[in-house]
Amino acid sequence: MTAAISTLQGVVIVALVAVGAFFLTVGTVGLIRLPNVYNRMHSTSKASTLGAVSLFLATFVYFGPRAEGLTALVGIGFLFLTAPTGAHMISRAAQKMGIPFLNDIAWPGDEEN
């Protein structure tokens, strides 16, 4: 019984690490390849957050609900609080610096400009 749980636990950990590595790679490629600060911010805030959360979940599955596992859960909560806030602040700073969007896209409320 214990070996079956360990095997299932190992499969879940490997799957979460693979998903985390995939999303972190996608976020990194987006940071390098996308054309402006708004697109890069989107790539890093969404994909990289999902990748980091997957790695934290893998840590939680490995260690269980002990000190290390609880630290991973706190890390997930911290990421979900700080990543959107940081992305919002970066976009507002870019707007105040006058960095335009690509094509004909405008900020909500600025359509008449």
PDB file of N, CA and C in Angstrom:
ATOM      1  N   MET A   1       0.828  -1.199   0.000  1.00  0.00           N
ATOM      2  CA  MET A   1       0.000   0.000   0.000  1.00  0.00           C
ATOM      3  C   MET A   1       0.862   1.248   0.000  1.00  0.00           C
ATOM      4  N   THR A   2       1.894   1.266   0.821  1.00  0.00           N
ATOM      5  CA  THR A   2       2.767   2.426   0.914  1.00  0.00           C
ATOM      6  C   THR A   2       3.529   2.646  -0.389  1.00  0.00           C
ATOM      7  N   ALA A   3       3.949   1.534  -1.046  1.00  0.00           N
ATOM      8  CA  ALA A   3       4.672   1.677  -2.307  1.00  0.00           C
ATOM      9  C   ALA A   3       3.775   2.276  -3.389  1.00  0.00           C
ATOM     10  N   ALA A   4       2.465   1.913  -3.393  1.00  0.00           N
ATOM     11  CA  ALA A   4       1.548   2.484  -4.378  1.00  0.00           C
ATOM     12  C   ALA A   4       1.364   3.976  -4.146  1.00  0.00           C
ATOM     13  N   ILE A   5       1.274   4.387  -2.901  1.00  0.00           N
ATOM     14  CA  ILE A   5       1.142   5.813  -2.605  1.00  0.00           C
ATOM     15  C   ILE A   5       2.410   6.548  -2.993  1.00  0.00           C
ATOM     16  N   SER A   6       3.554   5.957  -2.727  1.00  0.00           N
ATOM     17  CA  SER A   6       4.805   6.595  -3.095  1.00  0.00           C
ATOM     18  C   SER A   6       4.942   6.721  -4.600  1.00  0.00           C
ATOM     19  N   THR A   7       4.502   5.700  -5.340  1.00  0.00           N
ATOM     20  CA  THR A   7       4.551   5.768  -6.797  1.00  0.00           C
ATOM     21  C   THR A   7       3.626   6.847  -7.319  1.00  0.00           C
ATOM     22  N   LEU A   8       2.407   6.890  -6.803  1.00  0.00           N
ATOM     23  CA  LEU A   8       1.470   7.939  -7.209  1.00  0.00           C
ATOM     24  C   LEU A   8       2.001   9.319  -6.832  1.00  0.00           C
ATOM     25  N   GLN A   9       2.574   9.420  -5.650  1.00  0.00           N
ATOM     26  CA  GLN A   9       3.160  10.689  -5.215  1.00  0.00           C
ATOM     27  C   GLN A   9       4.307  11.090  -6.143  1.00  0.00           C
ATOM     28  N   GLY A  10       5.124  10.144  -6.540  1.00  0.00           N
ATOM     29  CA  GLY A  10       6.226  10.443  -7.451  1.00  0.00           C
ATOM     30  C   GLY A  10       5.736  10.893  -8.813  1.00  0.00           C
ATOM     31  N   VAL A  11       4.685  10.256  -9.308  1.00  0.00           N
ATOM     32  CA  VAL A  11       4.124  10.640 -10.609  1.00  0.00           C
ATOM     33  C   VAL A  11       3.570  12.062 -10.553  1.00  0.00           C
ATOM     34  N   VAL A  12       2.868  12.373  -9.471  1.00  0.00           N
ATOM     35  CA  VAL A  12       2.303  13.726  -9.334  1.00  0.00           C
ATOM     36  C   VAL A  12       3.421  14.767  -9.243  1.00  0.00           C
ATOM     37  N   ILE A  13       4.469  14.441  -8.499  1.00  0.00           N
ATOM     38  CA  ILE A  13       5.586  15.382  -8.359  1.00  0.00           C
ATOM     39  C   ILE A  13       6.260  15.610  -9.710  1.00  0.00           C
ATOM     40  N   VAL A  14       6.504  14.538 -10.441  1.00  0.00           N
ATOM     41  CA  VAL A  14       7.142  14.683 -11.756  1.00  0.00           C
ATOM     42  C   VAL A  14       6.257  15.483 -12.704  1.00  0.00           C
ATOM     43  N   ALA A  15       4.945  15.223 -12.672  1.00  0.00           N
ATOM     44  CA  ALA A  15       4.030  15.972 -13.544  1.00  0.00           C
ATOM     45  C   ALA A  15       4.024  17.450 -13.182  1.00  0.00           C
ATOM     46  N   LEU A  16       3.989  17.769 -11.879  1.00  0.00           N
ATOM     47  CA  LEU A  16       3.981  19.175 -11.468  1.00  0.00           C
ATOM     48  C   LEU A  16       5.293  19.867 -11.811  1.00  0.00           C
ATOM     49  N   VAL A  17       6.406  19.176 -11.664  1.00  0.00           N
ATOM     50  CA  VAL A  17       7.695  19.780 -12.034  1.00  0.00           C
ATOM     51  C   VAL A  17       7.757  19.994 -13.542  1.00  0.00           C
ATOM     52  N   ALA A  18       7.245  19.045 -14.325  1.00  0.00           N
ATOM     53  CA  ALA A  18       7.232  19.212 -15.780  1.00  0.00           C
ATOM     54  C   ALA A  18       6.352  20.390 -16.192  1.00  0.00           C
ATOM     55  N   VAL A  19       5.175  20.502 -15.584  1.00  0.00           N
ATOM     56  CA  VAL A  19       4.289  21.638 -15.891  1.00  0.00           C
ATOM     57  C   VAL A  19       4.939  22.951 -15.474  1.00  0.00           C
ATOM     58  N   GLY A  20       5.566  22.953 -14.305  1.00  0.00           N
ATOM     59  CA  GLY A  20       6.236  24.160 -13.841  1.00  0.00           C
ATOM     60  C   GLY A  20       7.384  24.563 -14.755  1.00  0.00           C
ATOM     61  N   ALA A  21       8.177  23.593 -15.175  1.00  0.00           N
ATOM     62  CA  ALA A  21       9.289  23.905 -16.083  1.00  0.00           C
ATOM     63  C   ALA A  21       8.769  24.417 -17.417  1.00  0.00           C
ATOM     64  N   PHE A  22       7.681  23.830 -17.902  1.00  0.00           N
ATOM     65  CA  PHE A  22       7.101  24.283 -19.171  1.00  0.00           C
ATOM     66  C   PHE A  22       6.648  25.740 -19.074  1.00  0.00           C
ATOM     67  N   PHE A  23       5.888  26.055 -18.041  1.00  0.00           N
ATOM     68  CA  PHE A  23       5.371  27.429 -17.933  1.00  0.00           C
ATOM     69  C   PHE A  23       6.490  28.433 -17.651  1.00  0.00           C
ATOM     70  N   LEU A  24       7.491  28.054 -16.890  1.00  0.00           N
ATOM     71  CA  LEU A  24       8.608  28.964 -16.674  1.00  0.00           C
ATOM     72  C   LEU A  24       9.379  29.193 -17.970  1.00  0.00           C
ATOM     73  N   THR A  25       9.508  28.151 -18.785  1.00  0.00           N
ATOM     74  CA  THR A  25      10.162  28.313 -20.085  1.00  0.00           C
ATOM     75  C   THR A  25       9.340  29.216 -20.997  1.00  0.00           C
ATOM     76  N   VAL A  26       8.024  29.021 -21.008  1.00  0.00           N
ATOM     77  CA  VAL A  26       7.160  29.872 -21.834  1.00  0.00           C
ATOM     78  C   VAL A  26       7.262  31.332 -21.378  1.00  0.00           C
ATOM     79  N   GLY A  27       7.276  31.565 -20.081  1.00  0.00           N
ATOM     80  CA  GLY A  27       7.411  32.922 -19.566  1.00  0.00           C
ATOM     81  C   GLY A  27       8.740  33.547 -19.939  1.00  0.00           C
ATOM     82  N   THR A  28       9.796  32.756 -19.906  1.00  0.00           N
ATOM     83  CA  THR A  28      11.118  33.267 -20.271  1.00  0.00           C
ATOM     84  C   THR A  28      11.198  33.577 -21.757  1.00  0.00           C
ATOM     85  N   VAL A  29      10.669  32.703 -22.580  1.00  0.00           N
ATOM     86  CA  VAL A  29      10.667  32.950 -24.027  1.00  0.00           C
ATOM     87  C   VAL A  29       9.824  34.184 -24.342  1.00  0.00           C
ATOM     88  N   GLY A  30       8.690  34.329 -23.656  1.00  0.00           N
ATOM     89  CA  GLY A  30       7.860  35.517 -23.859  1.00  0.00           C
ATOM     90  C   GLY A  30       8.580  36.783 -23.448  1.00  0.00           C
ATOM     91  N   LEU A  31       9.311  36.724 -22.363  1.00  0.00           N
ATOM     92  CA  LEU A  31      10.075  37.891 -21.916  1.00  0.00           C
ATOM     93  C   LEU A  31      11.116  38.287 -22.950  1.00  0.00           C
ATOM     94  N   ILE A  32      11.704  37.322 -23.602  1.00  0.00           N
ATOM     95  CA  ILE A  32      12.739  37.610 -24.597  1.00  0.00           C
ATOM     96  C   ILE A  32      12.132  38.020 -25.932  1.00  0.00           C
ATOM     97  N   ARG A  33      11.066  37.380 -26.354  1.00  0.00           N
ATOM     98  CA  ARG A  33      10.572  37.533 -27.724  1.00  0.00           C
ATOM     99  C   ARG A  33       9.476  38.585 -27.917  1.00  0.00           C
ATOM    100  N   LEU A  34       8.696  38.890 -26.909  1.00  0.00           N
ATOM    101  CA  LEU A  34       7.553  39.782 -27.116  1.00  0.00           C
ATOM    102  C   LEU A  34       8.017  41.230 -27.292  1.00  0.00           C
ATOM    103  N   PRO A  35       7.226  42.055 -28.017  1.00  0.00           N
ATOM    104  CA  PRO A  35       7.749  43.326 -28.516  1.00  0.00           C
ATOM    105  C   PRO A  35       7.780  44.487 -27.530  1.00  0.00           C
ATOM    106  N   ASN A  36       6.880  44.568 -26.558  1.00  0.00           N
ATOM    107  CA  ASN A  36       6.909  45.754 -25.694  1.00  0.00           C
ATOM    108  C   ASN A  36       6.676  45.372 -24.236  1.00  0.00           C
ATOM    109  N   VAL A  37       6.708  46.378 -23.386  1.00  0.00           N
ATOM    110  CA  VAL A  37       6.662  46.119 -21.950  1.00  0.00           C
ATOM    111  C   VAL A  37       5.332  45.504 -21.526  1.00  0.00           C
ATOM    112  N   TYR A  38       4.250  45.862 -22.172  1.00  0.00           N
ATOM    113  CA  TYR A  38       2.939  45.322 -21.788  1.00  0.00           C
ATOM    114  C   TYR A  38       2.850  43.828 -22.104  1.00  0.00           C
ATOM    115  N   ASN A  39       3.324  43.443 -23.259  1.00  0.00           N
ATOM    116  CA  ASN A  39       3.287  42.027 -23.622  1.00  0.00           C
ATOM    117  C   ASN A  39       4.253  41.213 -22.762  1.00  0.00           C
ATOM    118  N   ARG A  40       5.426  41.762 -22.514  1.00  0.00           N
ATOM    119  CA  ARG A  40       6.400  41.058 -21.674  1.00  0.00           C
ATOM    120  C   ARG A  40       5.875  40.903 -20.253  1.00  0.00           C
ATOM    121  N   MET A  41       5.227  41.942 -19.745  1.00  0.00           N
ATOM    122  CA  MET A  41       4.647  41.887 -18.405  1.00  0.00           C
ATOM    123  C   MET A  41       3.592  40.782 -18.324  1.00  0.00           C
ATOM    124  N   HIS A  42       2.772  40.677 -19.348  1.00  0.00           N
ATOM    125  CA  HIS A  42       1.741  39.649 -19.377  1.00  0.00           C
ATOM    126  C   HIS A  42       2.368  38.257 -19.367  1.00  0.00           C
ATOM    127  N   SER A  43       3.383  38.083 -20.167  1.00  0.00           N
ATOM    128  CA  SER A  43       4.037  36.780 -20.252  1.00  0.00           C
ATOM    129  C   SER A  43       4.651  36.383 -18.915  1.00  0.00           C
ATOM    130  N   THR A  44       5.354  37.306 -18.301  1.00  0.00           N
ATOM    131  CA  THR A  44       6.022  36.948 -17.047  1.00  0.00           C
ATOM    132  C   THR A  44       5.044  36.825 -15.891  1.00  0.00           C
ATOM    133  N   SER A  45       4.013  37.639 -15.867  1.00  0.00           N
ATOM    134  CA  SER A  45       3.108  37.565 -14.718  1.00  0.00           C
ATOM    135  C   SER A  45       2.205  36.339 -14.771  1.00  0.00           C
ATOM    136  N   LYS A  46       1.768  35.942 -15.927  1.00  0.00           N
ATOM    137  CA  LYS A  46       0.858  34.798 -16.025  1.00  0.00           C
ATOM    138  C   LYS A  46       1.611  33.472 -16.070  1.00  0.00           C
ATOM    139  N   ALA A  47       2.445  33.304 -17.085  1.00  0.00           N
ATOM    140  CA  ALA A  47       3.095  32.012 -17.280  1.00  0.00           C
ATOM    141  C   ALA A  47       4.090  31.698 -16.172  1.00  0.00           C
ATOM    142  N   SER A  48       4.862  32.672 -15.777  1.00  0.00           N
ATOM    143  CA  SER A  48       5.853  32.407 -14.736  1.00  0.00           C
ATOM    144  C   SER A  48       5.202  32.149 -13.388  1.00  0.00           C
ATOM    145  N   THR A  49       4.092  32.805 -13.108  1.00  0.00           N
ATOM    146  CA  THR A  49       3.383  32.535 -11.863  1.00  0.00           C
ATOM    147  C   THR A  49       2.839  31.109 -11.852  1.00  0.00           C
ATOM    148  N   LEU A  50       2.258  30.686 -12.961  1.00  0.00           N
ATOM    149  CA  LEU A  50       1.762  29.302 -13.022  1.00  0.00           C
ATOM    150  C   LEU A  50       2.900  28.298 -12.869  1.00  0.00           C
ATOM    151  N   GLY A  51       4.036  28.591 -13.492  1.00  0.00           N
ATOM    152  CA  GLY A  51       5.190  27.703 -13.364  1.00  0.00           C
ATOM    153  C   GLY A  51       5.697  27.627 -11.937  1.00  0.00           C
ATOM    154  N   ALA A  52       5.814  28.762 -11.291  1.00  0.00           N
ATOM    155  CA  ALA A  52       6.297  28.770  -9.904  1.00  0.00           C
ATOM    156  C   ALA A  52       5.300  28.094  -8.970  1.00  0.00           C
ATOM    157  N   VAL A  53       4.008  28.302  -9.208  1.00  0.00           N
ATOM    158  CA  VAL A  53       3.002  27.652  -8.369  1.00  0.00           C
ATOM    159  C   VAL A  53       3.043  26.137  -8.550  1.00  0.00           C
ATOM    160  N   SER A  54       3.272  25.685  -9.757  1.00  0.00           N
ATOM    161  CA  SER A  54       3.390  24.236  -9.976  1.00  0.00           C
ATOM    162  C   SER A  54       4.582  23.660  -9.221  1.00  0.00           C
ATOM    163  N   LEU A  55       5.675  24.387  -9.216  1.00  0.00           N
ATOM    164  CA  LEU A  55       6.839  23.904  -8.470  1.00  0.00           C
ATOM    165  C   LEU A  55       6.580  23.933  -6.959  1.00  0.00           C
ATOM    166  N   PHE A  56       5.878  24.948  -6.486  1.00  0.00           N
ATOM    167  CA  PHE A  56       5.516  24.982  -5.063  1.00  0.00           C
ATOM    168  C   PHE A  56       4.589  23.818  -4.712  1.00  0.00           C
ATOM    169  N   LEU A  57       3.644  23.517  -5.603  1.00  0.00           N
ATOM    170  CA  LEU A  57       2.751  22.379  -5.349  1.00  0.00           C
ATOM    171  C   LEU A  57       3.511  21.064  -5.337  1.00  0.00           C
ATOM    172  N   ALA A  58       4.500  20.929  -6.215  1.00  0.00           N
ATOM    173  CA  ALA A  58       5.340  19.729  -6.196  1.00  0.00           C
ATOM    174  C   ALA A  58       6.075  19.617  -4.865  1.00  0.00           C
ATOM    175  N   THR A  59       6.540  20.736  -4.355  1.00  0.00           N
ATOM    176  CA  THR A  59       7.196  20.742  -3.042  1.00  0.00           C
ATOM    177  C   THR A  59       6.225  20.331  -1.947  1.00  0.00           C
ATOM    178  N   PHE A  60       4.994  20.827  -2.022  1.00  0.00           N
ATOM    179  CA  PHE A  60       3.992  20.471  -1.025  1.00  0.00           C
ATOM    180  C   PHE A  60       3.668  18.982  -1.093  1.00  0.00           C
ATOM    181  N   VAL A  61       3.530  18.444  -2.292  1.00  0.00           N
ATOM    182  CA  VAL A  61       3.228  17.013  -2.426  1.00  0.00           C
ATOM    183  C   VAL A  61       4.393  16.180  -1.900  1.00  0.00           C
ATOM    184  N   TYR A  62       5.605  16.615  -2.132  1.00  0.00           N
ATOM    185  CA  TYR A  62       6.767  15.852  -1.675  1.00  0.00           C
ATOM    186  C   TYR A  62       6.889  15.868  -0.155  1.00  0.00           C
ATOM    187  N   PHE A  63       6.771  17.041   0.453  1.00  0.00           N
ATOM    188  CA  PHE A  63       7.004  17.146   1.897  1.00  0.00           C
ATOM    189  C   PHE A  63       5.747  16.916   2.721  1.00  0.00           C
ATOM    190  N   GLY A  64       4.585  17.107   2.128  1.00  0.00           N
ATOM    191  CA  GLY A  64       3.354  16.928   2.883  1.00  0.00           C
ATOM    192  C   GLY A  64       3.072  18.144   3.743  1.00  0.00           C
ATOM    193  N   PRO A  65       2.084  18.004   4.637  1.00  0.00           N
ATOM    194  CA  PRO A  65       1.662  19.176   5.417  1.00  0.00           C
ATOM    195  C   PRO A  65       2.554  19.444   6.633  1.00  0.00           C
ATOM    196  N   ARG A  66       3.862  19.341   6.450  1.00  0.00           N
ATOM    197  CA  ARG A  66       4.796  19.698   7.522  1.00  0.00           C
ATOM    198  C   ARG A  66       5.351  21.088   7.245  1.00  0.00           C
ATOM    199  N   ALA A  67       6.404  21.444   7.899  1.00  0.00           N
ATOM    200  CA  ALA A  67       6.945  22.801   7.811  1.00  0.00           C
ATOM    201  C   ALA A  67       7.294  23.198   6.377  1.00  0.00           C
ATOM    202  N   GLU A  68       7.982  22.328   5.635  1.00  0.00           N
ATOM    203  CA  GLU A  68       8.380  22.678   4.274  1.00  0.00           C
ATOM    204  C   GLU A  68       7.163  22.788   3.354  1.00  0.00           C
ATOM    205  N   GLY A  69       6.202  21.896   3.538  1.00  0.00           N
ATOM    206  CA  GLY A  69       4.992  21.939   2.735  1.00  0.00           C
ATOM    207  C   GLY A  69       4.168  23.182   3.015  1.00  0.00           C
ATOM    208  N   LEU A  70       4.094  23.559   4.271  1.00  0.00           N
ATOM    209  CA  LEU A  70       3.359  24.783   4.614  1.00  0.00           C
ATOM    210  C   LEU A  70       4.069  26.015   4.066  1.00  0.00           C
ATOM    211  N   THR A  71       5.386  25.981   4.061  1.00  0.00           N
ATOM    212  CA  THR A  71       6.135  27.089   3.463  1.00  0.00           C
ATOM    213  C   THR A  71       5.810  27.205   1.982  1.00  0.00           C
ATOM    214  N   ALA A  72       5.680  26.077   1.305  1.00  0.00           N
ATOM    215  CA  ALA A  72       5.312  26.107  -0.116  1.00  0.00           C
ATOM    216  C   ALA A  72       3.917  26.700  -0.304  1.00  0.00           C
ATOM    217  N   LEU A  73       2.977  26.346   0.565  1.00  0.00           N
ATOM    218  CA  LEU A  73       1.626  26.923   0.456  1.00  0.00           C
ATOM    219  C   LEU A  73       1.634  28.431   0.715  1.00  0.00           C
ATOM    220  N   VAL A  74       2.432  28.859   1.657  1.00  0.00           N
ATOM    221  CA  VAL A  74       2.560  30.299   1.906  1.00  0.00           C
ATOM    222  C   VAL A  74       3.179  30.991   0.684  1.00  0.00           C
ATOM    223  N   GLY A  75       4.130  30.319   0.058  1.00  0.00           N
ATOM    224  CA  GLY A  75       4.727  30.871  -1.166  1.00  0.00           C
ATOM    225  C   GLY A  75       3.704  31.029  -2.274  1.00  0.00           C
ATOM    226  N   ILE A  76       2.785  30.072  -2.391  1.00  0.00           N
ATOM    227  CA  ILE A  76       1.730  30.175  -3.406  1.00  0.00           C
ATOM    228  C   ILE A  76       0.844  31.380  -3.111  1.00  0.00           C
ATOM    229  N   GLY A  77       0.436  31.533  -1.855  1.00  0.00           N
ATOM    230  CA  GLY A  77      -0.376  32.685  -1.486  1.00  0.00           C
ATOM    231  C   GLY A  77       0.344  33.998  -1.753  1.00  0.00           C
ATOM    232  N   PHE A  78       1.636  34.033  -1.425  1.00  0.00           N
ATOM    233  CA  PHE A  78       2.422  35.237  -1.665  1.00  0.00           C
ATOM    234  C   PHE A  78       2.497  35.551  -3.154  1.00  0.00           C
ATOM    235  N   LEU A  79       2.692  34.531  -3.983  1.00  0.00           N
ATOM    236  CA  LEU A  79       2.754  34.759  -5.432  1.00  0.00           C
ATOM    237  C   LEU A  79       1.435  35.278  -5.975  1.00  0.00           C
ATOM    238  N   PHE A  80       0.323  34.705  -5.513  1.00  0.00           N
ATOM    239  CA  PHE A  80      -0.979  35.152  -6.015  1.00  0.00           C
ATOM    240  C   PHE A  80      -1.322  36.557  -5.549  1.00  0.00           C
ATOM    241  N   LEU A  81      -0.720  37.008  -4.464  1.00  0.00           N
ATOM    242  CA  LEU A  81      -0.936  38.381  -4.022  1.00  0.00           C
ATOM    243  C   LEU A  81      -0.009  39.369  -4.726  1.00  0.00           C
ATOM    244  N   THR A  82       1.231  38.992  -4.926  1.00  0.00           N
ATOM    245  CA  THR A  82       2.222  39.952  -5.412  1.00  0.00           C
ATOM    246  C   THR A  82       2.354  40.006  -6.925  1.00  0.00           C
ATOM    247  N   ALA A  83       2.172  38.907  -7.634  1.00  0.00           N
ATOM    248  CA  ALA A  83       2.376  38.923  -9.089  1.00  0.00           C
ATOM    249  C   ALA A  83       1.380  39.844  -9.804  1.00  0.00           C
ATOM    250  N   PRO A  84       0.082  39.777  -9.529  1.00  0.00           N
ATOM    251  CA  PRO A  84      -0.829  40.711 -10.205  1.00  0.00           C
ATOM    252  C   PRO A  84      -0.584  42.156  -9.791  1.00  0.00           C
ATOM    253  N   THR A  85      -0.256  42.366  -8.529  1.00  0.00           N
ATOM    254  CA  THR A  85       0.014  43.726  -8.069  1.00  0.00           C
ATOM    255  C   THR A  85       1.249  44.294  -8.756  1.00  0.00           C
ATOM    256  N   GLY A  86       2.289  43.495  -8.848  1.00  0.00           N
ATOM    257  CA  GLY A  86       3.501  43.951  -9.525  1.00  0.00           C
ATOM    258  C   GLY A  86       3.261  44.231 -10.997  1.00  0.00           C
ATOM    259  N   ALA A  87       2.503  43.357 -11.656  1.00  0.00           N
ATOM    260  CA  ALA A  87       2.202  43.567 -13.079  1.00  0.00           C
ATOM    261  C   ALA A  87       1.378  44.830 -13.269  1.00  0.00           C
ATOM    262  N   HIS A  88       0.431  45.064 -12.391  1.00  0.00           N
ATOM    263  CA  HIS A  88      -0.371  46.281 -12.486  1.00  0.00           C
ATOM    264  C   HIS A  88       0.499  47.520 -12.302  1.00  0.00           C
ATOM    265  N   MET A  89       1.391  47.481 -11.349  1.00  0.00           N
ATOM    266  CA  MET A  89       2.248  48.640 -11.107  1.00  0.00           C
ATOM    267  C   MET A  89       3.198  48.883 -12.279  1.00  0.00           C
ATOM    268  N   ILE A  90       3.694  47.821 -12.887  1.00  0.00           N
ATOM    269  CA  ILE A  90       4.565  47.985 -14.060  1.00  0.00           C
ATOM    270  C   ILE A  90       3.781  48.603 -15.211  1.00  0.00           C
ATOM    271  N   SER A  91       2.545  48.134 -15.425  1.00  0.00           N
ATOM    272  CA  SER A  91       1.763  48.685 -16.536  1.00  0.00           C
ATOM    273  C   SER A  91       1.404  50.145 -16.285  1.00  0.00           C
ATOM    274  N   ARG A  92       1.066  50.505 -15.065  1.00  0.00           N
ATOM    275  CA  ARG A  92       0.749  51.910 -14.766  1.00  0.00           C
ATOM    276  C   ARG A  92       1.982  52.796 -14.915  1.00  0.00           C
ATOM    277  N   ALA A  93       3.133  52.289 -14.496  1.00  0.00           N
ATOM    278  CA  ALA A  93       4.361  53.060 -14.663  1.00  0.00           C
ATOM    279  C   ALA A  93       4.680  53.250 -16.147  1.00  0.00           C
ATOM    280  N   ALA A  94       4.464  52.215 -16.946  1.00  0.00           N
ATOM    281  CA  ALA A  94       4.709  52.334 -18.390  1.00  0.00           C
ATOM    282  C   ALA A  94       3.743  53.325 -19.010  1.00  0.00           C
ATOM    283  N   GLN A  95       2.483  53.311 -18.557  1.00  0.00           N
ATOM    284  CA  GLN A  95       1.515  54.274 -19.074  1.00  0.00           C
ATOM    285  C   GLN A  95       1.923  55.700 -18.711  1.00  0.00           C
ATOM    286  N   LYS A  96       2.342  55.925 -17.477  1.00  0.00           N
ATOM    287  CA  LYS A  96       2.728  57.267 -17.052  1.00  0.00           C
ATOM    288  C   LYS A  96       3.996  57.736 -17.761  1.00  0.00           C
ATOM    289  N   MET A  97       4.843  56.784 -18.195  1.00  0.00           N
ATOM    290  CA  MET A  97       6.033  57.148 -18.966  1.00  0.00           C
ATOM    291  C   MET A  97       5.711  57.416 -20.419  1.00  0.00           C
ATOM    292  N   GLY A  98       4.461  57.120 -20.840  1.00  0.00           N
ATOM    293  CA  GLY A  98       4.056  57.387 -22.209  1.00  0.00           C
ATOM    294  C   GLY A  98       4.391  56.298 -23.207  1.00  0.00           C
ATOM    295  N   ILE A  99       4.621  55.100 -22.735  1.00  0.00           N
ATOM    296  CA  ILE A  99       4.919  53.989 -23.641  1.00  0.00           C
ATOM    297  C   ILE A  99       3.620  53.556 -24.304  1.00  0.00           C
ATOM    298  N   PRO A 100       3.527  53.627 -25.635  1.00  0.00           N
ATOM    299  CA  PRO A 100       2.264  53.309 -26.305  1.00  0.00           C
ATOM    300  C   PRO A 100       2.053  51.804 -26.452  1.00  0.00           C
ATOM    301  N   PHE A 101       0.781  51.440 -26.654  1.00  0.00           N
ATOM    302  CA  PHE A 101       0.455  50.064 -27.006  1.00  0.00           C
ATOM    303  C   PHE A 101       0.793  49.837 -28.473  1.00  0.00           C
ATOM    304  N   LEU A 102       0.798  48.611 -28.879  1.00  0.00           N
ATOM    305  CA  LEU A 102       0.964  48.285 -30.287  1.00  0.00           C
ATOM    306  C   LEU A 102      -0.366  48.515 -31.003  1.00  0.00           C
ATOM    307  N   ASN A 103      -0.288  48.850 -32.275  1.00  0.00           N
ATOM    308  CA  ASN A 103      -1.458  49.022 -33.139  1.00  0.00           C
ATOM    309  C   ASN A 103      -2.392  50.107 -32.617  1.00  0.00           C
ATOM    310  N   ASP A 104      -3.709  49.895 -32.669  1.00  0.00           N
ATOM    311  CA  ASP A 104      -4.677  50.919 -32.303  1.00  0.00           C
ATOM    312  C   ASP A 104      -5.286  50.710 -30.924  1.00  0.00           C
ATOM    313  N   ILE A 105      -4.652  50.001 -30.077  1.00  0.00           N
ATOM    314  CA  ILE A 105      -5.197  49.705 -28.754  1.00  0.00           C
ATOM    315  C   ILE A 105      -4.944  50.901 -27.838  1.00  0.00           C
ATOM    316  N   ALA A 106      -5.951  51.229 -26.992  1.00  0.00           N
ATOM    317  CA  ALA A 106      -5.828  52.350 -26.058  1.00  0.00           C
ATOM    318  C   ALA A 106      -6.248  51.911 -24.674  1.00  0.00           C
ATOM    319  N   TRP A 107      -5.864  52.675 -23.671  1.00  0.00           N
ATOM    320  CA  TRP A 107      -6.298  52.411 -22.305  1.00  0.00           C
ATOM    321  C   TRP A 107      -7.801  52.648 -22.216  1.00  0.00           C
ATOM    322  N   PRO A 108      -8.484  51.952 -21.377  1.00  0.00           N
ATOM    323  CA  PRO A 108      -9.915  52.230 -21.195  1.00  0.00           C
ATOM    324  C   PRO A 108     -10.113  53.668 -20.727  1.00  0.00           C
ATOM    325  N   GLY A 109     -11.007  54.375 -21.372  1.00  0.00           N
ATOM    326  CA  GLY A 109     -11.251  55.770 -21.050  1.00  0.00           C
ATOM    327  C   GLY A 109     -10.411  56.735 -21.851  1.00  0.00           C
ATOM    328  N   ASP A 110      -9.396  56.241 -22.573  1.00  0.00           N
ATOM    329  CA  ASP A 110      -8.544  57.102 -23.395  1.00  0.00           C
ATOM    330  C   ASP A 110      -8.842  56.940 -24.878  1.00  0.00           C
ATOM    331  N   GLU A 111      -9.992  56.399 -25.237  1.00  0.00           N
ATOM    332  CA  GLU A 111     -10.283  56.132 -26.639  1.00  0.00           C
ATOM    333  C   GLU A 111     -10.370  57.409 -27.460  1.00  0.00           C
ATOM    334  N   GLU A 112     -10.764  58.532 -26.845  1.00  0.00           N
ATOM    335  CA  GLU A 112     -10.919  59.764 -27.611  1.00  0.00           C
ATOM    336  C   GLU A 112      -9.583  60.424 -27.920  1.00  0.00           C
ATOM    337  N   ASN A 113      -8.485  60.015 -27.262  1.00  0.00           N
ATOM    338  CA  ASN A 113      -7.168  60.612 -27.514  1.00  0.00           C
ATOM    339  C   ASN A 113      -6.514  60.056 -28.764  1.00  0.00           C
TER     340      ASN A 113
END
